[in-house]
């Protein structure tokens, strides 16, 4: 199978994954928020298409990073946080309130991994397992953002 040049760099989202403090949170803040803002400027089908492509790419580079680092779901692999946060924010308005609620909700669901999110990361091996628990956390967070924006317009 062909290798992706710089897979570890992409999996870490540059240097965000090397943050000495909370690399997942740093990646979500430094990369996820700006990317969500850019996606919000696109038509929804284009934004969904980009997230799907990023999902495929993220699974691949996360799997290669696991092999290179010889660890399952290493903390410095943070491309999954980007994907999860983009899923959290898809379709919501670009406001400070929506971005903050989305950020906090995603980080809570990603850190605590309620059922079945935790199971996704444990049962699925390789790169897809690294990414899928963040997809699940992103879906839970998306629902919470939707509810919060409905109840608190």
N, C-alpha and C. Protein backbone atom coordinates (compact mmCIF):
# COMPACT_ATOMS: atom_id res chain seq x y z
N UNK A 1 0.85 -1.19 0.00
CA UNK A 1 0.00 0.00 0.00
C UNK A 1 0.89 1.25 0.00
N UNK A 2 0.49 2.26 -0.73
CA UNK A 2 1.28 3.48 -0.83
C UNK A 2 1.21 4.27 0.47
N UNK A 3 2.27 5.01 0.71
CA UNK A 3 2.38 5.82 1.93
C UNK A 3 2.14 7.29 1.59
N UNK A 4 1.65 8.01 2.56
CA UNK A 4 1.41 9.44 2.39
C UNK A 4 2.64 10.18 2.91
N UNK A 5 3.30 10.95 2.04
CA UNK A 5 4.46 11.72 2.51
C UNK A 5 4.06 12.67 3.63
N UNK A 6 4.84 12.68 4.69
CA UNK A 6 4.57 13.58 5.81
C UNK A 6 3.35 13.19 6.62
N UNK A 7 2.99 11.90 6.63
CA UNK A 7 1.78 11.46 7.33
C UNK A 7 1.78 11.90 8.80
N UNK A 8 2.91 11.78 9.46
CA UNK A 8 2.98 12.16 10.87
C UNK A 8 2.75 13.67 11.04
N UNK A 9 3.30 14.46 10.14
CA UNK A 9 3.08 15.91 10.17
C UNK A 9 1.59 16.22 10.04
N UNK A 10 0.91 15.57 9.08
CA UNK A 10 -0.52 15.79 8.87
C UNK A 10 -1.32 15.29 10.06
N UNK A 11 -0.96 14.12 10.59
CA UNK A 11 -1.68 13.56 11.73
C UNK A 11 -1.58 14.47 12.96
N UNK A 12 -0.46 15.15 13.09
CA UNK A 12 -0.26 16.08 14.20
C UNK A 12 -0.81 17.47 13.90
N UNK A 13 -1.31 17.69 12.70
CA UNK A 13 -1.74 19.01 12.24
C UNK A 13 -0.60 20.01 12.42
N UNK A 14 0.51 19.66 11.84
CA UNK A 14 1.70 20.50 11.97
C UNK A 14 2.29 20.30 13.34
N UNK A 15 2.34 21.37 14.10
CA UNK A 15 2.93 21.30 15.43
C UNK A 15 1.90 21.29 16.54
N UNK A 16 0.63 21.37 16.20
CA UNK A 16 -0.42 21.40 17.23
C UNK A 16 -0.38 20.15 18.09
N UNK A 17 -0.14 19.01 17.49
CA UNK A 17 -0.10 17.76 18.23
C UNK A 17 1.09 17.61 19.15
N UNK A 18 2.08 18.45 18.98
CA UNK A 18 3.26 18.41 19.84
C UNK A 18 3.14 19.37 21.02
N UNK A 19 1.98 19.98 21.20
CA UNK A 19 1.77 20.88 22.33
C UNK A 19 2.04 20.14 23.63
N UNK A 20 2.82 20.73 24.53
CA UNK A 20 3.10 20.05 25.80
C UNK A 20 1.89 20.00 26.73
N UNK A 21 0.89 20.82 26.44
CA UNK A 21 -0.32 20.87 27.27
C UNK A 21 -1.54 20.61 26.39
N UNK A 22 -2.29 19.58 26.69
CA UNK A 22 -3.59 19.29 26.05
C UNK A 22 -3.54 19.43 24.53
N UNK A 23 -2.79 18.56 23.83
CA UNK A 23 -2.67 18.71 22.38
C UNK A 23 -4.01 18.65 21.64
N UNK A 24 -4.94 17.82 22.11
CA UNK A 24 -6.25 17.76 21.45
C UNK A 24 -7.02 19.06 21.57
N UNK A 25 -6.98 19.65 22.75
CA UNK A 25 -7.66 20.92 22.97
C UNK A 25 -6.98 22.03 22.17
N UNK A 26 -5.67 22.03 22.16
CA UNK A 26 -4.93 23.04 21.39
C UNK A 26 -5.23 22.92 19.89
N UNK A 27 -5.26 21.70 19.39
CA UNK A 27 -5.56 21.50 17.97
C UNK A 27 -6.96 21.96 17.63
N UNK A 28 -7.92 21.66 18.51
CA UNK A 28 -9.30 22.10 18.27
C UNK A 28 -9.37 23.62 18.23
N UNK A 29 -8.68 24.28 19.16
CA UNK A 29 -8.72 25.74 19.22
C UNK A 29 -7.96 26.38 18.07
N UNK A 30 -6.73 25.91 17.82
CA UNK A 30 -5.86 26.58 16.85
C UNK A 30 -6.14 26.21 15.40
N UNK A 31 -6.64 25.00 15.17
CA UNK A 31 -6.89 24.55 13.80
C UNK A 31 -8.39 24.35 13.55
N UNK A 32 -9.07 23.74 14.50
CA UNK A 32 -10.49 23.43 14.31
C UNK A 32 -11.37 24.65 14.15
N UNK A 33 -11.21 25.62 15.03
CA UNK A 33 -12.07 26.81 14.97
C UNK A 33 -11.88 27.58 13.65
N UNK A 34 -10.64 27.87 13.23
CA UNK A 34 -10.50 28.56 11.94
C UNK A 34 -11.04 27.73 10.76
N UNK A 35 -10.81 26.43 10.78
CA UNK A 35 -11.31 25.59 9.68
C UNK A 35 -12.84 25.55 9.67
N UNK A 36 -13.46 25.50 10.85
CA UNK A 36 -14.92 25.52 10.92
C UNK A 36 -15.47 26.83 10.37
N UNK A 37 -14.77 27.92 10.66
CA UNK A 37 -15.20 29.22 10.14
C UNK A 37 -15.13 29.23 8.61
N UNK A 38 -14.05 28.69 8.05
CA UNK A 38 -13.92 28.63 6.58
C UNK A 38 -15.02 27.76 5.99
N UNK A 39 -15.25 26.57 6.58
CA UNK A 39 -16.30 25.69 6.05
C UNK A 39 -17.68 26.33 6.11
N UNK A 40 -17.91 27.16 7.12
CA UNK A 40 -19.21 27.82 7.25
C UNK A 40 -19.48 28.80 6.11
N UNK A 41 -18.43 29.22 5.40
CA UNK A 41 -18.61 30.15 4.28
C UNK A 41 -18.96 29.41 2.99
N UNK A 42 -18.87 28.10 3.00
CA UNK A 42 -19.13 27.29 1.80
C UNK A 42 -20.56 26.78 1.79
N UNK A 43 -21.06 26.42 0.61
CA UNK A 43 -22.37 25.75 0.58
C UNK A 43 -22.28 24.45 1.39
N UNK A 44 -23.37 24.09 2.07
CA UNK A 44 -23.36 22.93 2.97
C UNK A 44 -22.90 21.64 2.27
N UNK A 45 -23.36 21.35 1.03
CA UNK A 45 -22.88 20.12 0.38
C UNK A 45 -21.35 20.11 0.18
N UNK A 46 -20.78 21.26 -0.13
CA UNK A 46 -19.32 21.34 -0.30
C UNK A 46 -18.62 21.12 1.04
N UNK A 47 -19.16 21.71 2.10
CA UNK A 47 -18.56 21.53 3.42
C UNK A 47 -18.62 20.07 3.85
N UNK A 48 -19.75 19.42 3.61
CA UNK A 48 -19.88 17.99 3.95
C UNK A 48 -18.89 17.16 3.14
N UNK A 49 -18.75 17.49 1.85
CA UNK A 49 -17.79 16.78 1.00
C UNK A 49 -16.37 16.92 1.51
N UNK A 50 -16.01 18.11 1.94
CA UNK A 50 -14.66 18.33 2.48
C UNK A 50 -14.45 17.52 3.75
N UNK A 51 -15.45 17.49 4.61
CA UNK A 51 -15.33 16.71 5.84
C UNK A 51 -15.18 15.22 5.52
N UNK A 52 -15.93 14.74 4.54
CA UNK A 52 -15.80 13.32 4.15
C UNK A 52 -14.41 13.02 3.61
N UNK A 53 -13.89 13.90 2.78
CA UNK A 53 -12.52 13.71 2.27
C UNK A 53 -11.51 13.77 3.41
N UNK A 54 -11.70 14.69 4.32
CA UNK A 54 -10.80 14.81 5.46
C UNK A 54 -10.89 13.57 6.35
N UNK A 55 -12.08 12.99 6.46
CA UNK A 55 -12.25 11.75 7.22
C UNK A 55 -11.41 10.63 6.62
N UNK A 56 -11.51 10.44 5.32
CA UNK A 56 -10.74 9.39 4.65
C UNK A 56 -9.23 9.65 4.82
N UNK A 57 -8.82 10.88 4.57
CA UNK A 57 -7.42 11.26 4.71
C UNK A 57 -6.97 11.09 6.16
N UNK A 58 -7.80 11.54 7.10
CA UNK A 58 -7.47 11.45 8.52
C UNK A 58 -7.31 10.02 8.99
N UNK A 59 -8.18 9.13 8.54
CA UNK A 59 -8.05 7.70 8.89
C UNK A 59 -6.71 7.17 8.40
N UNK A 60 -6.36 7.55 7.21
CA UNK A 60 -5.11 7.05 6.62
C UNK A 60 -3.88 7.56 7.36
N UNK A 61 -3.79 8.87 7.58
CA UNK A 61 -2.60 9.40 8.24
C UNK A 61 -2.55 9.02 9.71
N UNK A 62 -3.71 8.88 10.36
CA UNK A 62 -3.71 8.44 11.76
C UNK A 62 -3.19 7.01 11.86
N UNK A 63 -3.57 6.16 10.92
CA UNK A 63 -3.08 4.80 10.91
C UNK A 63 -1.58 4.73 10.68
N UNK A 64 -1.08 5.54 9.76
CA UNK A 64 0.35 5.59 9.50
C UNK A 64 1.10 6.13 10.72
N UNK A 65 0.53 7.12 11.38
CA UNK A 65 1.16 7.68 12.58
C UNK A 65 1.22 6.64 13.69
N UNK A 66 0.15 5.86 13.85
CA UNK A 66 0.18 4.79 14.85
C UNK A 66 1.33 3.82 14.58
N UNK A 67 1.51 3.48 13.32
CA UNK A 67 2.60 2.56 12.95
C UNK A 67 3.96 3.18 13.23
N UNK A 68 4.14 4.43 12.84
CA UNK A 68 5.44 5.09 13.03
C UNK A 68 5.76 5.27 14.51
N UNK A 69 4.75 5.62 15.31
CA UNK A 69 4.97 5.88 16.73
C UNK A 69 4.85 4.60 17.57
N UNK A 70 4.37 3.54 16.95
CA UNK A 70 4.18 2.24 17.61
C UNK A 70 3.33 2.36 18.87
N UNK A 71 2.21 3.08 18.74
CA UNK A 71 1.25 3.27 19.83
C UNK A 71 -0.15 3.24 19.24
N UNK A 72 -1.11 2.80 20.06
CA UNK A 72 -2.50 2.90 19.65
C UNK A 72 -3.03 4.28 20.06
N UNK A 73 -3.60 4.99 19.13
CA UNK A 73 -4.21 6.32 19.35
C UNK A 73 -3.30 7.25 20.16
N UNK A 74 -2.11 7.55 19.63
CA UNK A 74 -1.20 8.44 20.36
C UNK A 74 -1.81 9.83 20.55
N UNK A 75 -1.54 10.43 21.68
CA UNK A 75 -2.09 11.75 22.00
C UNK A 75 -1.68 12.84 21.04
N UNK A 76 -0.52 12.67 20.41
CA UNK A 76 -0.06 13.71 19.49
C UNK A 76 -0.76 13.65 18.13
N UNK A 77 -1.50 12.59 17.86
CA UNK A 77 -2.30 12.52 16.64
C UNK A 77 -3.60 13.27 16.93
N UNK A 78 -3.76 14.42 16.25
CA UNK A 78 -4.89 15.30 16.56
C UNK A 78 -5.76 15.62 15.35
N UNK A 79 -5.49 14.98 14.22
CA UNK A 79 -6.34 15.22 13.05
C UNK A 79 -7.77 14.78 13.34
N UNK A 80 -7.91 13.80 14.23
CA UNK A 80 -9.24 13.33 14.62
C UNK A 80 -10.02 14.42 15.36
N UNK A 81 -9.34 15.25 16.13
CA UNK A 81 -10.02 16.36 16.81
C UNK A 81 -10.54 17.38 15.78
N UNK A 82 -9.77 17.63 14.76
CA UNK A 82 -10.23 18.54 13.71
C UNK A 82 -11.50 18.00 13.08
N UNK A 83 -11.51 16.73 12.72
CA UNK A 83 -12.67 16.13 12.07
C UNK A 83 -13.88 16.18 13.00
N UNK A 84 -13.68 15.80 14.25
CA UNK A 84 -14.78 15.82 15.22
C UNK A 84 -15.36 17.20 15.43
N UNK A 85 -14.49 18.21 15.51
CA UNK A 85 -14.99 19.58 15.71
C UNK A 85 -15.73 20.09 14.48
N UNK A 86 -15.25 19.74 13.30
CA UNK A 86 -15.95 20.15 12.08
C UNK A 86 -17.33 19.51 12.01
N UNK A 87 -17.44 18.26 12.43
CA UNK A 87 -18.76 17.61 12.49
C UNK A 87 -19.64 18.32 13.51
N UNK A 88 -19.07 18.71 14.63
CA UNK A 88 -19.82 19.44 15.65
C UNK A 88 -20.42 20.71 15.05
N UNK A 89 -19.67 21.43 14.24
CA UNK A 89 -20.06 22.78 13.82
C UNK A 89 -20.77 22.86 12.47
N UNK A 90 -20.83 21.77 11.72
CA UNK A 90 -21.41 21.83 10.38
C UNK A 90 -22.87 22.34 10.43
N UNK A 91 -23.13 23.36 9.64
CA UNK A 91 -24.48 23.89 9.51
C UNK A 91 -24.89 24.95 10.52
N UNK A 92 -24.01 25.26 11.46
CA UNK A 92 -24.36 26.27 12.46
C UNK A 92 -23.82 27.64 12.04
N UNK A 93 -24.47 28.71 12.53
CA UNK A 93 -24.00 30.05 12.18
C UNK A 93 -22.64 30.33 12.82
N UNK A 94 -21.91 31.22 12.17
CA UNK A 94 -20.60 31.63 12.69
C UNK A 94 -20.84 32.73 13.71
N UNK A 95 -20.95 32.32 14.96
CA UNK A 95 -21.09 33.27 16.06
C UNK A 95 -20.16 32.84 17.18
N UNK A 96 -19.80 33.78 18.01
CA UNK A 96 -18.97 33.45 19.16
C UNK A 96 -19.68 32.41 20.04
N UNK A 97 -20.98 32.59 20.22
CA UNK A 97 -21.74 31.66 21.05
C UNK A 97 -21.72 30.25 20.48
N UNK A 98 -22.00 30.09 19.19
CA UNK A 98 -22.04 28.74 18.62
C UNK A 98 -20.66 28.08 18.65
N UNK A 99 -19.62 28.86 18.36
CA UNK A 99 -18.27 28.30 18.35
C UNK A 99 -17.81 27.91 19.75
N UNK A 100 -18.14 28.71 20.77
CA UNK A 100 -17.76 28.39 22.14
C UNK A 100 -18.54 27.18 22.68
N UNK A 101 -19.85 27.15 22.43
CA UNK A 101 -20.64 26.01 22.87
C UNK A 101 -20.13 24.74 22.17
N UNK A 102 -19.86 24.85 20.87
CA UNK A 102 -19.36 23.71 20.12
C UNK A 102 -18.00 23.24 20.64
N UNK A 103 -17.13 24.19 20.93
CA UNK A 103 -15.80 23.85 21.43
C UNK A 103 -15.89 23.10 22.76
N UNK A 104 -16.64 23.67 23.69
CA UNK A 104 -16.76 23.06 25.02
C UNK A 104 -17.46 21.70 24.93
N UNK A 105 -18.55 21.65 24.18
CA UNK A 105 -19.30 20.39 24.05
C UNK A 105 -18.44 19.30 23.41
N UNK A 106 -17.74 19.65 22.34
CA UNK A 106 -16.91 18.64 21.68
C UNK A 106 -15.80 18.15 22.60
N UNK A 107 -15.12 19.06 23.27
CA UNK A 107 -14.02 18.64 24.15
C UNK A 107 -14.54 17.75 25.29
N UNK A 108 -15.71 18.08 25.85
CA UNK A 108 -16.27 17.25 26.92
C UNK A 108 -16.59 15.85 26.41
N UNK A 109 -17.29 15.77 25.26
CA UNK A 109 -17.63 14.45 24.73
C UNK A 109 -16.40 13.68 24.27
N UNK A 110 -15.40 14.39 23.76
CA UNK A 110 -14.19 13.71 23.31
C UNK A 110 -13.36 13.19 24.49
N UNK A 111 -13.32 13.94 25.56
CA UNK A 111 -12.53 13.53 26.73
C UNK A 111 -13.24 12.40 27.49
N UNK A 112 -14.54 12.54 27.74
CA UNK A 112 -15.24 11.55 28.56
C UNK A 112 -15.79 10.37 27.76
N UNK A 113 -15.93 10.52 26.47
CA UNK A 113 -16.33 9.44 25.57
C UNK A 113 -17.50 8.59 26.10
N UNK A 114 -18.71 9.17 26.16
CA UNK A 114 -19.86 8.38 26.61
C UNK A 114 -20.18 7.25 25.62
N UNK A 115 -20.92 6.27 26.13
CA UNK A 115 -21.29 5.14 25.27
C UNK A 115 -22.11 5.65 24.10
N UNK A 116 -21.95 5.18 22.90
CA UNK A 116 -21.02 4.15 22.42
C UNK A 116 -19.72 4.73 21.86
N UNK A 117 -19.46 6.02 22.13
CA UNK A 117 -18.27 6.66 21.56
C UNK A 117 -17.00 5.91 21.96
N UNK A 118 -16.87 5.58 23.22
CA UNK A 118 -15.68 4.87 23.69
C UNK A 118 -15.52 3.53 22.98
N UNK A 119 -16.64 2.84 22.76
CA UNK A 119 -16.61 1.55 22.09
C UNK A 119 -16.09 1.67 20.66
N UNK A 120 -16.42 2.76 19.99
CA UNK A 120 -15.94 2.96 18.61
C UNK A 120 -14.42 2.95 18.55
N UNK A 121 -13.79 3.67 19.49
CA UNK A 121 -12.33 3.73 19.51
C UNK A 121 -11.68 2.43 19.92
N UNK A 122 -12.40 1.63 20.70
CA UNK A 122 -11.82 0.36 21.20
C UNK A 122 -12.01 -0.78 20.20
N UNK A 123 -13.15 -0.83 19.56
CA UNK A 123 -13.47 -1.97 18.69
C UNK A 123 -12.90 -1.85 17.28
N UNK A 124 -12.76 -0.62 16.80
CA UNK A 124 -12.25 -0.41 15.45
C UNK A 124 -10.75 -0.17 15.54
N UNK A 125 -10.00 -0.91 14.80
CA UNK A 125 -8.54 -0.83 14.89
C UNK A 125 -7.96 0.12 13.84
N UNK A 126 -6.72 0.55 14.09
CA UNK A 126 -5.99 1.38 13.13
C UNK A 126 -6.53 2.80 13.06
N UNK A 127 -6.22 3.46 11.95
CA UNK A 127 -6.62 4.85 11.75
C UNK A 127 -8.11 5.10 11.89
N UNK A 128 -8.97 4.23 11.32
CA UNK A 128 -10.40 4.46 11.49
C UNK A 128 -10.84 4.46 12.96
N UNK A 129 -10.22 3.64 13.78
CA UNK A 129 -10.54 3.63 15.21
C UNK A 129 -10.14 4.92 15.90
N UNK A 130 -8.99 5.47 15.47
CA UNK A 130 -8.53 6.74 16.04
C UNK A 130 -9.54 7.84 15.74
N UNK A 131 -10.08 7.83 14.53
CA UNK A 131 -10.96 8.92 14.08
C UNK A 131 -12.41 8.71 14.52
N UNK A 132 -12.87 7.46 14.55
CA UNK A 132 -14.30 7.22 14.78
C UNK A 132 -14.80 7.67 16.14
N UNK A 133 -13.99 7.57 17.19
CA UNK A 133 -14.50 8.03 18.48
C UNK A 133 -14.69 9.55 18.47
N UNK A 134 -13.89 10.26 17.69
CA UNK A 134 -14.07 11.71 17.58
C UNK A 134 -15.27 12.06 16.70
N UNK A 135 -15.55 11.21 15.72
CA UNK A 135 -16.77 11.39 14.92
C UNK A 135 -17.98 11.25 15.84
N UNK A 136 -17.97 10.21 16.69
CA UNK A 136 -19.07 10.02 17.64
C UNK A 136 -19.21 11.19 18.60
N UNK A 137 -18.07 11.65 19.13
CA UNK A 137 -18.10 12.81 20.03
C UNK A 137 -18.62 14.04 19.30
N UNK A 138 -18.23 14.20 18.04
CA UNK A 138 -18.71 15.32 17.24
C UNK A 138 -20.21 15.26 17.00
N UNK A 139 -20.75 14.07 16.80
CA UNK A 139 -22.20 13.93 16.60
C UNK A 139 -22.97 14.28 17.88
N UNK A 140 -22.48 13.78 19.02
CA UNK A 140 -23.11 14.15 20.29
C UNK A 140 -23.03 15.66 20.51
N UNK A 141 -21.86 16.24 20.28
CA UNK A 141 -21.68 17.67 20.48
C UNK A 141 -22.55 18.48 19.53
N UNK A 142 -22.69 18.00 18.28
CA UNK A 142 -23.54 18.67 17.30
C UNK A 142 -24.98 18.75 17.84
N UNK A 143 -25.47 17.63 18.36
CA UNK A 143 -26.83 17.61 18.91
C UNK A 143 -26.97 18.58 20.08
N UNK A 144 -25.95 18.66 20.92
CA UNK A 144 -26.00 19.56 22.07
C UNK A 144 -25.96 21.03 21.63
N UNK A 145 -25.14 21.34 20.62
CA UNK A 145 -25.10 22.71 20.09
C UNK A 145 -26.46 23.07 19.51
N UNK A 146 -27.04 22.18 18.73
CA UNK A 146 -28.35 22.42 18.14
C UNK A 146 -29.37 22.73 19.24
N UNK A 147 -29.39 21.90 20.29
CA UNK A 147 -30.32 22.10 21.39
C UNK A 147 -30.06 23.42 22.10
N UNK A 148 -28.80 23.71 22.38
CA UNK A 148 -28.46 24.96 23.08
C UNK A 148 -28.89 26.18 22.27
N UNK A 149 -28.68 26.15 20.95
CA UNK A 149 -29.05 27.29 20.13
C UNK A 149 -30.56 27.43 20.00
N UNK A 150 -31.30 26.32 20.08
CA UNK A 150 -32.76 26.37 20.05
C UNK A 150 -33.31 26.95 21.37
N UNK A 151 -32.71 26.51 22.49
CA UNK A 151 -33.20 26.95 23.80
C UNK A 151 -32.69 28.32 24.21
N UNK A 152 -31.56 28.71 23.63
CA UNK A 152 -30.91 29.97 23.98
C UNK A 152 -30.58 30.75 22.72
N UNK A 153 -31.63 31.29 22.05
CA UNK A 153 -31.41 31.96 20.76
C UNK A 153 -30.64 33.26 20.88
